[in-house]
Amino acid sequence: MKNTLPPNTTLNVIGKGSNYINQLKRVNQAFFDKPKTMKEVDLEIGIMRESICRYCATLRKAGRLFPVLKRQCNVTKYPKVTAWTTNPELVPPSTQLNLF
């Protein structure tokens, strides 16, 4: 399933250049397939990790990027890195208890 970003003002991309929007779409698609770290996406699509952080902030603010789990990064081998996804079906159910 191809996941593309529809024109949506909630992403706050009004006034951004076409390069920004194209890269945002590529980052969104890279996280959609399976949960990945930012560095894994960097190597997969060729956008610098520093820029991916900016795109991830935009996606998180829009409610489209979700943390899935902490694991070892396959690239850096750092033991506790967050794996992210833009696919709502891959988000684990919340363990937060409802008080009311």
PDB file of N, CA and C in Angstrom:
ATOM      1  N   MET A   1       0.844  -1.183   0.000  1.00  0.00           N
ATOM      2  CA  MET A   1       0.000   0.000   0.000  1.00  0.00           C
ATOM      3  C   MET A   1       0.885   1.239   0.000  1.00  0.00           C
ATOM      4  N   LYS A   2       0.713   2.080  -0.951  1.00  0.00           N
ATOM      5  CA  LYS A   2       1.493   3.299  -1.081  1.00  0.00           C
ATOM      6  C   LYS A   2       0.877   4.378  -0.201  1.00  0.00           C
ATOM      7  N   ASN A   3       1.656   4.929   0.688  1.00  0.00           N
ATOM      8  CA  ASN A   3       1.181   5.960   1.595  1.00  0.00           C
ATOM      9  C   ASN A   3       1.755   7.294   1.151  1.00  0.00           C
ATOM     10  N   THR A   4       0.911   8.183   0.676  1.00  0.00           N
ATOM     11  CA  THR A   4       1.358   9.514   0.294  1.00  0.00           C
ATOM     12  C   THR A   4       0.640  10.522   1.156  1.00  0.00           C
ATOM     13  N   LEU A   5       1.261  11.660   1.301  1.00  0.00           N
ATOM     14  CA  LEU A   5       0.662  12.705   2.114  1.00  0.00           C
ATOM     15  C   LEU A   5      -0.325  13.504   1.285  1.00  0.00           C
ATOM     16  N   PRO A   6      -1.576  13.562   1.685  1.00  0.00           N
ATOM     17  CA  PRO A   6      -2.516  14.414   0.969  1.00  0.00           C
ATOM     18  C   PRO A   6      -2.231  15.862   1.300  1.00  0.00           C
ATOM     19  N   PRO A   7      -2.669  16.774   0.443  1.00  0.00           N
ATOM     20  CA  PRO A   7      -2.504  18.186   0.784  1.00  0.00           C
ATOM     21  C   PRO A   7      -3.262  18.465   2.070  1.00  0.00           C
ATOM     22  N   ASN A   8      -2.551  18.838   3.103  1.00  0.00           N
ATOM     23  CA  ASN A   8      -3.170  18.979   4.412  1.00  0.00           C
ATOM     24  C   ASN A   8      -2.503  20.131   5.148  1.00  0.00           C
ATOM     25  N   THR A   9      -3.280  21.104   5.572  1.00  0.00           N
ATOM     26  CA  THR A   9      -2.715  22.255   6.259  1.00  0.00           C
ATOM     27  C   THR A   9      -2.254  21.920   7.663  1.00  0.00           C
ATOM     28  N   THR A  10      -2.684  20.769   8.230  1.00  0.00           N
ATOM     29  CA  THR A  10      -2.251  20.422   9.576  1.00  0.00           C
ATOM     30  C   THR A  10      -0.779  20.049   9.615  1.00  0.00           C
ATOM     31  N   LEU A  11      -0.170  19.762   8.476  1.00  0.00           N
ATOM     32  CA  LEU A  11       1.251  19.462   8.451  1.00  0.00           C
ATOM     33  C   LEU A  11       2.105  20.723   8.496  1.00  0.00           C
ATOM     34  N   ASN A  12       1.490  21.881   8.389  1.00  0.00           N
ATOM     35  CA  ASN A  12       2.183  23.153   8.491  1.00  0.00           C
ATOM     36  C   ASN A  12       3.329  23.252   7.483  1.00  0.00           C
ATOM     37  N   VAL A  13       3.062  22.911   6.238  1.00  0.00           N
ATOM     38  CA  VAL A  13       4.070  22.992   5.186  1.00  0.00           C
ATOM     39  C   VAL A  13       3.766  24.120   4.209  1.00  0.00           C
ATOM     40  N   ILE A  14       2.814  24.975   4.547  1.00  0.00           N
ATOM     41  CA  ILE A  14       2.486  26.106   3.685  1.00  0.00           C
ATOM     42  C   ILE A  14       3.693  27.045   3.646  1.00  0.00           C
ATOM     43  N   GLY A  15       4.103  27.413   2.458  1.00  0.00           N
ATOM     44  CA  GLY A  15       5.234  28.303   2.292  1.00  0.00           C
ATOM     45  C   GLY A  15       6.565  27.582   2.195  1.00  0.00           C
ATOM     46  N   LYS A  16       6.576  26.274   2.362  1.00  0.00           N
ATOM     47  CA  LYS A  16       7.813  25.503   2.225  1.00  0.00           C
ATOM     48  C   LYS A  16       8.027  25.204   0.749  1.00  0.00           C
ATOM     49  N   GLY A  17       9.247  24.988   0.370  1.00  0.00           N
ATOM     50  CA  GLY A  17       9.570  24.691  -1.017  1.00  0.00           C
ATOM     51  C   GLY A  17       9.161  23.281  -1.412  1.00  0.00           C
ATOM     52  N   SER A  18       9.162  23.034  -2.716  1.00  0.00           N
ATOM     53  CA  SER A  18       8.766  21.719  -3.203  1.00  0.00           C
ATOM     54  C   SER A  18       9.766  20.646  -2.780  1.00  0.00           C
ATOM     55  N   ASN A  19      11.043  21.002  -2.600  1.00  0.00           N
ATOM     56  CA  ASN A  19      12.043  20.039  -2.150  1.00  0.00           C
ATOM     57  C   ASN A  19      11.709  19.556  -0.737  1.00  0.00           C
ATOM     58  N   TYR A  20      11.304  20.467   0.144  1.00  0.00           N
ATOM     59  CA  TYR A  20      10.917  20.111   1.512  1.00  0.00           C
ATOM     60  C   TYR A  20       9.740  19.135   1.495  1.00  0.00           C
ATOM     61  N   ILE A  21       8.735  19.425   0.713  1.00  0.00           N
ATOM     62  CA  ILE A  21       7.537  18.579   0.656  1.00  0.00           C
ATOM     63  C   ILE A  21       7.871  17.215   0.066  1.00  0.00           C
ATOM     64  N   ASN A  22       8.707  17.176  -0.983  1.00  0.00           N
ATOM     65  CA  ASN A  22       9.102  15.903  -1.583  1.00  0.00           C
ATOM     66  C   ASN A  22       9.882  15.041  -0.598  1.00  0.00           C
ATOM     67  N   GLN A  23      10.799  15.658   0.143  1.00  0.00           N
ATOM     68  CA  GLN A  23      11.564  14.901   1.123  1.00  0.00           C
ATOM     69  C   GLN A  23      10.687  14.451   2.288  1.00  0.00           C
ATOM     70  N   LEU A  24       9.731  15.278   2.689  1.00  0.00           N
ATOM     71  CA  LEU A  24       8.796  14.896   3.746  1.00  0.00           C
ATOM     72  C   LEU A  24       7.994  13.663   3.329  1.00  0.00           C
ATOM     73  N   LYS A  25       7.568  13.619   2.079  1.00  0.00           N
ATOM     74  CA  LYS A  25       6.837  12.457   1.573  1.00  0.00           C
ATOM     75  C   LYS A  25       7.711  11.208   1.568  1.00  0.00           C
ATOM     76  N   ARG A  26       8.976  11.352   1.174  1.00  0.00           N
ATOM     77  CA  ARG A  26       9.888  10.207   1.155  1.00  0.00           C
ATOM     78  C   ARG A  26      10.150   9.681   2.564  1.00  0.00           C
ATOM     79  N   VAL A  27      10.315  10.582   3.533  1.00  0.00           N
ATOM     80  CA  VAL A  27      10.520  10.166   4.926  1.00  0.00           C
ATOM     81  C   VAL A  27       9.269   9.471   5.447  1.00  0.00           C
ATOM     82  N   ASN A  28       8.102  10.026   5.150  1.00  0.00           N
ATOM     83  CA  ASN A  28       6.842   9.421   5.570  1.00  0.00           C
ATOM     84  C   ASN A  28       6.715   8.004   5.026  1.00  0.00           C
ATOM     85  N   GLN A  29       7.036   7.806   3.765  1.00  0.00           N
ATOM     86  CA  GLN A  29       6.938   6.487   3.151  1.00  0.00           C
ATOM     87  C   GLN A  29       7.947   5.510   3.736  1.00  0.00           C
ATOM     88  N   ALA A  30       9.150   5.980   4.021  1.00  0.00           N
ATOM     89  CA  ALA A  30      10.189   5.103   4.572  1.00  0.00           C
ATOM     90  C   ALA A  30       9.780   4.563   5.943  1.00  0.00           C
ATOM     91  N   PHE A  31       9.149   5.380   6.767  1.00  0.00           N
ATOM     92  CA  PHE A  31       8.697   4.933   8.083  1.00  0.00           C
ATOM     93  C   PHE A  31       7.421   4.104   7.998  1.00  0.00           C
ATOM     94  N   PHE A  32       6.692   4.163   6.900  1.00  0.00           N
ATOM     95  CA  PHE A  32       5.414   3.469   6.785  1.00  0.00           C
ATOM     96  C   PHE A  32       5.592   1.957   6.626  1.00  0.00           C
ATOM     97  N   ASP A  33       6.588   1.531   5.880  1.00  0.00           N
ATOM     98  CA  ASP A  33       6.760   0.116   5.555  1.00  0.00           C
ATOM     99  C   ASP A  33       6.975  -0.757   6.786  1.00  0.00           C
ATOM    100  N   LYS A  34       7.894  -0.354   7.648  1.00  0.00           N
ATOM    101  CA  LYS A  34       8.142  -1.060   8.903  1.00  0.00           C
ATOM    102  C   LYS A  34       8.817  -0.089   9.863  1.00  0.00           C
ATOM    103  N   PRO A  35       8.758  -0.330  11.162  1.00  0.00           N
ATOM    104  CA  PRO A  35       9.394   0.575  12.119  1.00  0.00           C
ATOM    105  C   PRO A  35      10.909   0.633  11.906  1.00  0.00           C
ATOM    106  N   LYS A  36      11.431   1.854  11.880  1.00  0.00           N
ATOM    107  CA  LYS A  36      12.856   2.066  11.641  1.00  0.00           C
ATOM    108  C   LYS A  36      13.361   3.199  12.518  1.00  0.00           C
ATOM    109  N   THR A  37      14.668   3.223  12.699  1.00  0.00           N
ATOM    110  CA  THR A  37      15.302   4.350  13.370  1.00  0.00           C
ATOM    111  C   THR A  37      15.587   5.427  12.323  1.00  0.00           C
ATOM    112  N   MET A  38      15.886   6.622  12.801  1.00  0.00           N
ATOM    113  CA  MET A  38      16.165   7.712  11.867  1.00  0.00           C
ATOM    114  C   MET A  38      17.430   7.434  11.046  1.00  0.00           C
ATOM    115  N   LYS A  39      18.421   6.815  11.662  1.00  0.00           N
ATOM    116  CA  LYS A  39      19.659   6.517  10.939  1.00  0.00           C
ATOM    117  C   LYS A  39      19.422   5.463   9.862  1.00  0.00           C
ATOM    118  N   GLU A  40      18.556   4.496  10.117  1.00  0.00           N
ATOM    119  CA  GLU A  40      18.223   3.493   9.099  1.00  0.00           C
ATOM    120  C   GLU A  40      17.528   4.136   7.907  1.00  0.00           C
ATOM    121  N   VAL A  41      16.659   5.099   8.180  1.00  0.00           N
ATOM    122  CA  VAL A  41      15.990   5.824   7.095  1.00  0.00           C
ATOM    123  C   VAL A  41      17.002   6.664   6.333  1.00  0.00           C
ATOM    124  N   ASP A  42      17.953   7.261   7.044  1.00  0.00           N
ATOM    125  CA  ASP A  42      19.020   8.043   6.416  1.00  0.00           C
ATOM    126  C   ASP A  42      19.729   7.211   5.354  1.00  0.00           C
ATOM    127  N   LEU A  43      20.147   6.019   5.706  1.00  0.00           N
ATOM    128  CA  LEU A  43      20.873   5.171   4.754  1.00  0.00           C
ATOM    129  C   LEU A  43      19.969   4.645   3.643  1.00  0.00           C
ATOM    130  N   GLU A  44      18.695   4.428   3.948  1.00  0.00           N
ATOM    131  CA  GLU A  44      17.770   3.882   2.952  1.00  0.00           C
ATOM    132  C   GLU A  44      17.432   4.873   1.843  1.00  0.00           C
ATOM    133  N   ILE A  45      17.141   6.124   2.222  1.00  0.00           N
ATOM    134  CA  ILE A  45      16.666   7.075   1.213  1.00  0.00           C
ATOM    135  C   ILE A  45      17.662   8.185   0.890  1.00  0.00           C
ATOM    136  N   GLY A  46      18.764   8.257   1.645  1.00  0.00           N
ATOM    137  CA  GLY A  46      19.807   9.221   1.305  1.00  0.00           C
ATOM    138  C   GLY A  46      19.567  10.641   1.773  1.00  0.00           C
ATOM    139  N   ILE A  47      18.669  10.850   2.700  1.00  0.00           N
ATOM    140  CA  ILE A  47      18.451  12.172   3.295  1.00  0.00           C
ATOM    141  C   ILE A  47      19.181  12.179   4.633  1.00  0.00           C
ATOM    142  N   MET A  48      19.924  13.235   4.920  1.00  0.00           N
ATOM    143  CA  MET A  48      20.709  13.291   6.151  1.00  0.00           C
ATOM    144  C   MET A  48      19.823  13.155   7.392  1.00  0.00           C
ATOM    145  N   ARG A  49      20.356  12.455   8.404  1.00  0.00           N
ATOM    146  CA  ARG A  49      19.606  12.225   9.621  1.00  0.00           C
ATOM    147  C   ARG A  49      19.174  13.534  10.280  1.00  0.00           C
ATOM    148  N   GLU A  50      19.998  14.552  10.208  1.00  0.00           N
ATOM    149  CA  GLU A  50      19.658  15.841  10.794  1.00  0.00           C
ATOM    150  C   GLU A  50      18.395  16.414  10.151  1.00  0.00           C
ATOM    151  N   SER A  51      18.255  16.240   8.847  1.00  0.00           N
ATOM    152  CA  SER A  51      17.051  16.706   8.155  1.00  0.00           C
ATOM    153  C   SER A  51      15.857  15.823   8.489  1.00  0.00           C
ATOM    154  N   ILE A  52      16.107  14.516   8.631  1.00  0.00           N
ATOM    155  CA  ILE A  52      15.030  13.600   8.988  1.00  0.00           C
ATOM    156  C   ILE A  52      14.443  13.977  10.341  1.00  0.00           C
ATOM    157  N   CYS A  53      15.268  14.444  11.269  1.00  0.00           N
ATOM    158  CA  CYS A  53      14.766  14.895  12.580  1.00  0.00           C
ATOM    159  C   CYS A  53      13.742  16.017  12.406  1.00  0.00           C
ATOM    160  N   ARG A  54      14.016  16.937  11.507  1.00  0.00           N
ATOM    161  CA  ARG A  54      13.097  18.043  11.250  1.00  0.00           C
ATOM    162  C   ARG A  54      11.779  17.538  10.658  1.00  0.00           C
ATOM    163  N   TYR A  55      11.864  16.604   9.719  1.00  0.00           N
ATOM    164  CA  TYR A  55      10.657  16.046   9.118  1.00  0.00           C
ATOM    165  C   TYR A  55       9.869  15.225  10.133  1.00  0.00           C
ATOM    166  N   CYS A  56      10.576  14.521  11.009  1.00  0.00           N
ATOM    167  CA  CYS A  56       9.903  13.744  12.056  1.00  0.00           C
ATOM    168  C   CYS A  56       9.152  14.661  13.016  1.00  0.00           C
ATOM    169  N   ALA A  57       9.735  15.807  13.337  1.00  0.00           N
ATOM    170  CA  ALA A  57       9.042  16.763  14.214  1.00  0.00           C
ATOM    171  C   ALA A  57       7.753  17.237  13.566  1.00  0.00           C
ATOM    172  N   THR A  58       7.796  17.501  12.262  1.00  0.00           N
ATOM    173  CA  THR A  58       6.593  17.918  11.540  1.00  0.00           C
ATOM    174  C   THR A  58       5.540  16.817  11.569  1.00  0.00           C
ATOM    175  N   LEU A  59       5.950  15.575  11.332  1.00  0.00           N
ATOM    176  CA  LEU A  59       5.012  14.458  11.330  1.00  0.00           C
ATOM    177  C   LEU A  59       4.454  14.178  12.733  1.00  0.00           C
ATOM    178  N   ARG A  60       5.284  14.311  13.762  1.00  0.00           N
ATOM    179  CA  ARG A  60       4.803  14.096  15.141  1.00  0.00           C
ATOM    180  C   ARG A  60       3.775  15.144  15.531  1.00  0.00           C
ATOM    181  N   LYS A  61       4.036  16.402  15.194  1.00  0.00           N
ATOM    182  CA  LYS A  61       3.090  17.479  15.519  1.00  0.00           C
ATOM    183  C   LYS A  61       1.758  17.280  14.819  1.00  0.00           C
ATOM    184  N   ALA A  62       1.792  16.653  13.649  1.00  0.00           N
ATOM    185  CA  ALA A  62       0.562  16.386  12.899  1.00  0.00           C
ATOM    186  C   ALA A  62      -0.111  15.092  13.354  1.00  0.00           C
ATOM    187  N   GLY A  63       0.516  14.368  14.279  1.00  0.00           N
ATOM    188  CA  GLY A  63      -0.054  13.123  14.767  1.00  0.00           C
ATOM    189  C   GLY A  63       0.076  11.971  13.787  1.00  0.00           C
ATOM    190  N   ARG A  64       1.120  11.989  12.957  1.00  0.00           N
ATOM    191  CA  ARG A  64       1.304  10.955  11.929  1.00  0.00           C
ATOM    192  C   ARG A  64       2.517  10.072  12.153  1.00  0.00           C
ATOM    193  N   LEU A  65       3.322  10.337  13.178  1.00  0.00           N
ATOM    194  CA  LEU A  65       4.515   9.543  13.464  1.00  0.00           C
ATOM    195  C   LEU A  65       4.417   9.038  14.890  1.00  0.00           C
ATOM    196  N   PHE A  66       4.635   7.735  15.068  1.00  0.00           N
ATOM    197  CA  PHE A  66       4.426   7.109  16.367  1.00  0.00           C
ATOM    198  C   PHE A  66       5.663   6.322  16.793  1.00  0.00           C
ATOM    199  N   PRO A  67       6.069   6.442  18.079  1.00  0.00           N
ATOM    200  CA  PRO A  67       7.149   5.582  18.573  1.00  0.00           C
ATOM    201  C   PRO A  67       6.612   4.167  18.772  1.00  0.00           C
ATOM    202  N   VAL A  68       7.363   3.175  18.358  1.00  0.00           N
ATOM    203  CA  VAL A  68       6.900   1.792  18.444  1.00  0.00           C
ATOM    204  C   VAL A  68       7.614   1.057  19.574  1.00  0.00           C
ATOM    205  N   LEU A  69       8.944   1.117  19.578  1.00  0.00           N
ATOM    206  CA  LEU A  69       9.705   0.400  20.594  1.00  0.00           C
ATOM    207  C   LEU A  69      11.116   0.934  20.660  1.00  0.00           C
ATOM    208  N   LYS A  70      11.822   0.567  21.725  1.00  0.00           N
ATOM    209  CA  LYS A  70      13.245   0.879  21.853  1.00  0.00           C
ATOM    210  C   LYS A  70      13.998  -0.403  21.539  1.00  0.00           C
ATOM    211  N   ARG A  71      15.006  -0.279  20.679  1.00  0.00           N
ATOM    212  CA  ARG A  71      15.789  -1.450  20.290  1.00  0.00           C
ATOM    213  C   ARG A  71      17.171  -1.002  19.856  1.00  0.00           C
ATOM    214  N   GLN A  72      18.005  -1.959  19.518  1.00  0.00           N
ATOM    215  CA  GLN A  72      19.330  -1.653  19.018  1.00  0.00           C
ATOM    216  C   GLN A  72      19.235  -1.216  17.562  1.00  0.00           C
ATOM    217  N   CYS A  73      19.922  -0.154  17.229  1.00  0.00           N
ATOM    218  CA  CYS A  73      19.954   0.319  15.839  1.00  0.00           C
ATOM    219  C   CYS A  73      20.797  -0.630  15.013  1.00  0.00           C
ATOM    220  N   ASN A  74      20.313  -1.013  13.858  1.00  0.00           N
ATOM    221  CA  ASN A  74      21.036  -1.917  12.974  1.00  0.00           C
ATOM    222  C   ASN A  74      22.259  -1.264  12.326  1.00  0.00           C
ATOM    223  N   VAL A  75      22.293   0.071  12.314  1.00  0.00           N
ATOM    224  CA  VAL A  75      23.398   0.782  11.669  1.00  0.00           C
ATOM    225  C   VAL A  75      24.478   1.132  12.687  1.00  0.00           C
ATOM    226  N   THR A  76      24.098   1.836  13.752  1.00  0.00           N
ATOM    227  CA  THR A  76      25.070   2.321  14.727  1.00  0.00           C
ATOM    228  C   THR A  76      25.341   1.331  15.845  1.00  0.00           C
ATOM    229  N   LYS A  77      24.476   0.336  16.006  1.00  0.00           N
ATOM    230  CA  LYS A  77      24.560  -0.669  17.067  1.00  0.00           C
ATOM    231  C   LYS A  77      24.354  -0.077  18.462  1.00  0.00           C
ATOM    232  N   TYR A  78      23.853   1.173  18.518  1.00  0.00           N
ATOM    233  CA  TYR A  78      23.532   1.766  19.810  1.00  0.00           C
ATOM    234  C   TYR A  78      22.356   0.993  20.398  1.00  0.00           C
ATOM    235  N   PRO A  79      22.394   0.639  21.697  1.00  0.00           N
ATOM    236  CA  PRO A  79      21.409  -0.308  22.236  1.00  0.00           C
ATOM    237  C   PRO A  79      20.002   0.216  22.464  1.00  0.00           C
ATOM    238  N   LYS A  80      19.822   1.510  22.691  1.00  0.00           N
ATOM    239  CA  LYS A  80      18.483   2.011  23.037  1.00  0.00           C
ATOM    240  C   LYS A  80      18.086   3.164  22.132  1.00  0.00           C
ATOM    241  N   VAL A  81      17.548   2.816  20.974  1.00  0.00           N
ATOM    242  CA  VAL A  81      17.113   3.810  19.999  1.00  0.00           C
ATOM    243  C   VAL A  81      15.640   3.576  19.708  1.00  0.00           C
ATOM    244  N   THR A  82      14.892   4.650  19.546  1.00  0.00           N
ATOM    245  CA  THR A  82      13.470   4.527  19.256  1.00  0.00           C
ATOM    246  C   THR A  82      13.251   4.192  17.791  1.00  0.00           C
ATOM    247  N   ALA A  83      12.431   3.177  17.565  1.00  0.00           N
ATOM    248  CA  ALA A  83      11.992   2.846  16.210  1.00  0.00           C
ATOM    249  C   ALA A  83      10.642   3.523  16.004  1.00  0.00           C
ATOM    250  N   TRP A  84      10.474   4.188  14.874  1.00  0.00           N
ATOM    251  CA  TRP A  84       9.281   4.978  14.573  1.00  0.00           C
ATOM    252  C   TRP A  84       8.520   4.371  13.409  1.00  0.00           C
ATOM    253  N   THR A  85       7.220   4.690  13.333  1.00  0.00           N
ATOM    254  CA  THR A  85       6.412   4.289  12.190  1.00  0.00           C
ATOM    255  C   THR A  85       5.358   5.357  11.906  1.00  0.00           C
ATOM    256  N   THR A  86       4.958   5.436  10.647  1.00  0.00           N
ATOM    257  CA  THR A  86       3.840   6.296  10.261  1.00  0.00           C
ATOM    258  C   THR A  86       2.608   5.456   9.954  1.00  0.00           C
ATOM    259  N   ASN A  87       2.721   4.150  10.107  1.00  0.00           N
ATOM    260  CA  ASN A  87       1.614   3.241   9.851  1.00  0.00           C
ATOM    261  C   ASN A  87       0.848   3.014  11.160  1.00  0.00           C
ATOM    262  N   PRO A  88      -0.385   3.525  11.302  1.00  0.00           N
ATOM    263  CA  PRO A  88      -1.130   3.370  12.552  1.00  0.00           C
ATOM    264  C   PRO A  88      -1.402   1.914  12.916  1.00  0.00           C
ATOM    265  N   GLU A  89      -1.393   1.014  11.939  1.00  0.00           N
ATOM    266  CA  GLU A  89      -1.648  -0.397  12.224  1.00  0.00           C
ATOM    267  C   GLU A  89      -0.489  -1.056  12.962  1.00  0.00           C
ATOM    268  N   LEU A  90       0.711  -0.477  12.910  1.00  0.00           N
ATOM    269  CA  LEU A  90       1.878  -1.049  13.565  1.00  0.00           C
ATOM    270  C   LEU A  90       2.103  -0.509  14.973  1.00  0.00           C
ATOM    271  N   VAL A  91       1.273   0.438  15.401  1.00  0.00           N
ATOM    272  CA  VAL A  91       1.431   1.024  16.729  1.00  0.00           C
ATOM    273  C   VAL A  91       0.884   0.054  17.772  1.00  0.00           C
ATOM    274  N   PRO A  92       1.688  -0.271  18.796  1.00  0.00           N
ATOM    275  CA  PRO A  92       1.183  -1.180  19.830  1.00  0.00           C
ATOM    276  C   PRO A  92       0.087  -0.510  20.648  1.00  0.00           C
ATOM    277  N   PRO A  93      -0.833  -1.288  21.216  1.00  0.00           N
ATOM    278  CA  PRO A  93      -1.887  -0.693  22.020  1.00  0.00           C
ATOM    279  C   PRO A  93      -1.311  -0.036  23.269  1.00  0.00           C
ATOM    280  N   SER A  94      -1.969   1.000  23.704  1.00  0.00           N
ATOM    281  CA  SER A  94      -1.523   1.745  24.871  1.00  0.00           C
ATOM    282  C   SER A  94      -1.714   0.935  26.141  1.00  0.00           C
ATOM    283  N   THR A  95      -0.752   1.012  27.040  1.00  0.00           N
ATOM    284  CA  THR A  95      -0.865   0.348  28.336  1.00  0.00           C
ATOM    285  C   THR A  95      -1.288   1.319  29.427  1.00  0.00           C
ATOM    286  N   GLN A  96      -1.559   2.556  29.032  1.00  0.00           N
ATOM    287  CA  GLN A  96      -1.983   3.578  29.976  1.00  0.00           C
ATOM    288  C   GLN A  96      -3.373   3.241  30.520  1.00  0.00           C
ATOM    289  N   LEU A  97      -3.512   3.258  31.827  1.00  0.00           N
ATOM    290  CA  LEU A  97      -4.806   2.991  32.443  1.00  0.00           C
ATOM    291  C   LEU A  97      -5.669   4.238  32.450  1.00  0.00           C
ATOM    292  N   ASN A  98      -6.939   4.056  32.273  1.00  0.00           N
ATOM    293  CA  ASN A  98      -7.889   5.175  32.353  1.00  0.00           C
ATOM    294  C   ASN A  98      -8.346   5.316  33.789  1.00  0.00           C
ATOM    295  N   LEU A  99      -8.252   6.521  34.309  1.00  0.00           N
ATOM    296  CA  LEU A  99      -8.669   6.758  35.692  1.00  0.00           C
ATOM    297  C   LEU A  99     -10.134   7.154  35.788  1.00  0.00           C
ATOM    298  N   PHE A 100     -10.675   7.677  34.716  1.00  0.00           N
ATOM    299  CA  PHE A 100     -12.058   8.140  34.778  1.00  0.00           C
ATOM    300  C   PHE A 100     -12.885   7.515  33.684  1.00  0.00           C
TER     301      PHE A 100
END
